[in-house]
Amino acid sequence: MPESVYKVIELVGTSTESWEKAAAKAVETASKSLKDLRIGEVVELDMQIDGGKVIAYRAKVKVSFKYLQEK
């Protein structure tokens, strides 16, 4: 296997329905501008509360993608 380098970034996805959908939205949106996403790791979950009710779920996700070196 050839040597490779990967970059890791943090994203925050939101959803009014669930943490799973919030994490999926972060990855889906990132995949539109980043190529070759490899691994996603949910590192933190929280929620936004208003008037005693949950109004949004938030998922902080670390994703890695292959770093393309110019030749």
N, C-alpha and C. Protein backbone atom coordinates (compact mmCIF):
# COMPACT_ATOMS: atom_id res chain seq x y z
N MET A 1 0.85 -1.18 0.00
CA MET A 1 0.00 0.00 0.00
C MET A 1 0.89 1.24 0.00
N PRO A 2 0.67 2.16 -0.92
CA PRO A 2 1.50 3.36 -0.96
C PRO A 2 1.22 4.26 0.25
N GLU A 3 2.19 5.09 0.58
CA GLU A 3 2.02 6.01 1.70
C GLU A 3 1.00 7.08 1.32
N SER A 4 0.18 7.48 2.28
CA SER A 4 -0.84 8.49 2.05
C SER A 4 -0.88 9.46 3.22
N VAL A 5 -1.44 10.62 2.97
CA VAL A 5 -1.64 11.63 4.01
C VAL A 5 -3.11 12.00 4.00
N TYR A 6 -3.70 12.12 5.19
CA TYR A 6 -5.10 12.48 5.32
C TYR A 6 -5.25 13.72 6.18
N LYS A 7 -6.18 14.56 5.83
CA LYS A 7 -6.50 15.75 6.61
C LYS A 7 -7.76 15.45 7.40
N VAL A 8 -7.82 15.94 8.65
CA VAL A 8 -8.98 15.75 9.51
C VAL A 8 -9.56 17.13 9.84
N ILE A 9 -10.87 17.27 9.65
CA ILE A 9 -11.55 18.52 9.99
C ILE A 9 -12.76 18.21 10.86
N GLU A 10 -13.23 19.22 11.59
CA GLU A 10 -14.43 19.07 12.39
C GLU A 10 -15.59 19.82 11.74
N LEU A 11 -16.74 19.19 11.76
CA LEU A 11 -17.96 19.77 11.22
C LEU A 11 -19.05 19.69 12.28
N VAL A 12 -20.03 20.56 12.19
CA VAL A 12 -21.20 20.47 13.06
C VAL A 12 -22.44 20.43 12.16
N GLY A 13 -23.17 19.33 12.26
CA GLY A 13 -24.42 19.19 11.52
C GLY A 13 -25.59 19.40 12.45
N THR A 14 -26.70 19.89 11.92
CA THR A 14 -27.89 20.10 12.73
C THR A 14 -29.11 19.45 12.08
N SER A 15 -30.06 19.10 12.92
CA SER A 15 -31.31 18.51 12.45
C SER A 15 -32.39 18.79 13.48
N THR A 16 -33.59 18.98 13.03
CA THR A 16 -34.72 19.12 13.97
C THR A 16 -35.27 17.75 14.37
N GLU A 17 -34.74 16.67 13.75
CA GLU A 17 -35.29 15.33 13.99
C GLU A 17 -34.44 14.43 14.87
N SER A 18 -33.10 14.38 14.63
CA SER A 18 -32.27 13.42 15.38
C SER A 18 -30.79 13.73 15.24
N TRP A 19 -29.99 13.15 16.15
CA TRP A 19 -28.54 13.27 16.07
C TRP A 19 -28.02 12.54 14.84
N GLU A 20 -28.60 11.41 14.52
CA GLU A 20 -28.17 10.66 13.33
C GLU A 20 -28.32 11.50 12.07
N LYS A 21 -29.44 12.17 11.93
CA LYS A 21 -29.66 13.01 10.75
C LYS A 21 -28.74 14.23 10.77
N ALA A 22 -28.43 14.74 11.94
CA ALA A 22 -27.50 15.87 12.04
C ALA A 22 -26.11 15.45 11.57
N ALA A 23 -25.64 14.28 12.01
CA ALA A 23 -24.32 13.79 11.59
C ALA A 23 -24.31 13.50 10.09
N ALA A 24 -25.36 12.88 9.59
CA ALA A 24 -25.43 12.55 8.16
C ALA A 24 -25.44 13.83 7.32
N LYS A 25 -26.12 14.86 7.79
CA LYS A 25 -26.18 16.12 7.05
C LYS A 25 -24.80 16.76 6.97
N ALA A 26 -24.02 16.69 8.04
CA ALA A 26 -22.67 17.25 8.03
C ALA A 26 -21.82 16.55 6.97
N VAL A 27 -21.87 15.24 6.92
CA VAL A 27 -21.08 14.47 5.96
C VAL A 27 -21.59 14.71 4.54
N GLU A 28 -22.88 14.70 4.36
CA GLU A 28 -23.47 14.91 3.04
C GLU A 28 -23.08 16.28 2.47
N THR A 29 -23.15 17.30 3.30
CA THR A 29 -22.79 18.64 2.84
C THR A 29 -21.30 18.75 2.54
N ALA A 30 -20.47 18.18 3.41
CA ALA A 30 -19.02 18.21 3.18
C ALA A 30 -18.62 17.49 1.90
N SER A 31 -19.32 16.42 1.59
CA SER A 31 -18.97 15.61 0.42
C SER A 31 -19.20 16.36 -0.90
N LYS A 32 -19.95 17.45 -0.85
CA LYS A 32 -20.18 18.24 -2.06
C LYS A 32 -18.95 19.04 -2.46
N SER A 33 -18.08 19.36 -1.49
CA SER A 33 -16.90 20.15 -1.82
C SER A 33 -15.58 19.45 -1.50
N LEU A 34 -15.62 18.39 -0.73
CA LEU A 34 -14.41 17.63 -0.39
C LEU A 34 -14.46 16.29 -1.11
N LYS A 35 -13.34 15.89 -1.66
CA LYS A 35 -13.28 14.62 -2.38
C LYS A 35 -12.64 13.54 -1.53
N ASP A 36 -13.08 12.34 -1.75
CA ASP A 36 -12.47 11.16 -1.14
C ASP A 36 -12.56 11.16 0.39
N LEU A 37 -13.76 11.47 0.93
CA LEU A 37 -13.96 11.35 2.37
C LEU A 37 -13.76 9.90 2.77
N ARG A 38 -13.09 9.68 3.89
CA ARG A 38 -12.75 8.31 4.28
C ARG A 38 -13.43 7.85 5.55
N ILE A 39 -13.27 8.60 6.64
CA ILE A 39 -13.74 8.17 7.95
C ILE A 39 -14.51 9.33 8.59
N GLY A 40 -15.61 9.02 9.25
CA GLY A 40 -16.34 10.00 10.05
C GLY A 40 -16.44 9.50 11.47
N GLU A 41 -16.21 10.40 12.42
CA GLU A 41 -16.28 10.02 13.84
C GLU A 41 -17.11 11.06 14.58
N VAL A 42 -18.20 10.64 15.19
CA VAL A 42 -19.01 11.55 15.99
C VAL A 42 -18.27 11.76 17.31
N VAL A 43 -17.94 13.02 17.60
CA VAL A 43 -17.15 13.30 18.81
C VAL A 43 -17.95 14.00 19.90
N GLU A 44 -19.09 14.58 19.53
CA GLU A 44 -19.89 15.26 20.54
C GLU A 44 -21.32 15.40 20.05
N LEU A 45 -22.27 15.23 20.97
CA LEU A 45 -23.68 15.42 20.66
C LEU A 45 -24.24 16.45 21.64
N ASP A 46 -25.04 17.38 21.13
CA ASP A 46 -25.75 18.29 22.02
C ASP A 46 -27.06 18.67 21.37
N MET A 47 -27.82 19.49 22.06
CA MET A 47 -29.11 19.90 21.52
C MET A 47 -29.39 21.34 21.89
N GLN A 48 -30.21 21.97 21.07
CA GLN A 48 -30.65 23.32 21.33
C GLN A 48 -32.04 23.24 21.95
N ILE A 49 -32.23 23.97 23.04
CA ILE A 49 -33.49 23.92 23.79
C ILE A 49 -34.11 25.31 23.81
N ASP A 50 -35.41 25.36 23.61
CA ASP A 50 -36.13 26.62 23.68
C ASP A 50 -37.47 26.36 24.36
N GLY A 51 -37.75 27.08 25.40
CA GLY A 51 -39.03 26.91 26.11
C GLY A 51 -39.21 25.52 26.69
N GLY A 52 -38.11 24.90 27.09
CA GLY A 52 -38.19 23.56 27.67
C GLY A 52 -38.35 22.44 26.65
N LYS A 53 -38.24 22.77 25.36
CA LYS A 53 -38.37 21.76 24.31
C LYS A 53 -37.13 21.73 23.44
N VAL A 54 -36.78 20.55 22.99
CA VAL A 54 -35.65 20.40 22.07
C VAL A 54 -36.09 20.90 20.70
N ILE A 55 -35.33 21.87 20.18
CA ILE A 55 -35.68 22.39 18.85
C ILE A 55 -34.67 21.99 17.78
N ALA A 56 -33.48 21.53 18.21
CA ALA A 56 -32.50 21.07 17.22
C ALA A 56 -31.49 20.15 17.89
N TYR A 57 -31.08 19.15 17.13
CA TYR A 57 -30.02 18.23 17.54
C TYR A 57 -28.76 18.62 16.78
N ARG A 58 -27.62 18.59 17.48
CA ARG A 58 -26.36 18.95 16.84
C ARG A 58 -25.34 17.83 17.05
N ALA A 59 -24.62 17.51 16.00
CA ALA A 59 -23.59 16.48 16.07
C ALA A 59 -22.28 17.06 15.56
N LYS A 60 -21.25 17.01 16.41
CA LYS A 60 -19.92 17.42 15.97
C LYS A 60 -19.23 16.17 15.43
N VAL A 61 -18.75 16.27 14.20
CA VAL A 61 -18.20 15.12 13.49
C VAL A 61 -16.81 15.46 12.98
N LYS A 62 -15.86 14.56 13.21
CA LYS A 62 -14.55 14.67 12.59
C LYS A 62 -14.57 13.80 11.34
N VAL A 63 -14.15 14.36 10.22
CA VAL A 63 -14.07 13.58 8.99
C VAL A 63 -12.66 13.70 8.43
N SER A 64 -12.23 12.63 7.78
CA SER A 64 -10.91 12.66 7.15
C SER A 64 -11.07 12.45 5.66
N PHE A 65 -10.16 13.07 4.93
CA PHE A 65 -10.13 12.90 3.49
C PHE A 65 -8.69 12.90 3.03
N LYS A 66 -8.46 12.25 1.90
CA LYS A 66 -7.11 12.09 1.39
C LYS A 66 -6.56 13.43 0.93
N TYR A 67 -5.38 13.74 1.37
CA TYR A 67 -4.70 14.97 1.00
C TYR A 67 -3.95 14.71 -0.31
N LEU A 68 -4.32 15.42 -1.34
CA LEU A 68 -3.70 15.21 -2.65
C LEU A 68 -2.50 16.13 -2.79
N GLN A 69 -1.35 15.54 -2.90
CA GLN A 69 -0.11 16.32 -3.05
C GLN A 69 0.14 16.58 -4.53
N GLU A 70 0.54 17.79 -4.82
CA GLU A 70 0.88 18.13 -6.21
C GLU A 70 2.19 17.47 -6.55
N LYS A 71 2.28 17.04 -7.79
CA LYS A 71 3.50 16.36 -8.24
C LYS A 71 4.42 17.32 -8.94
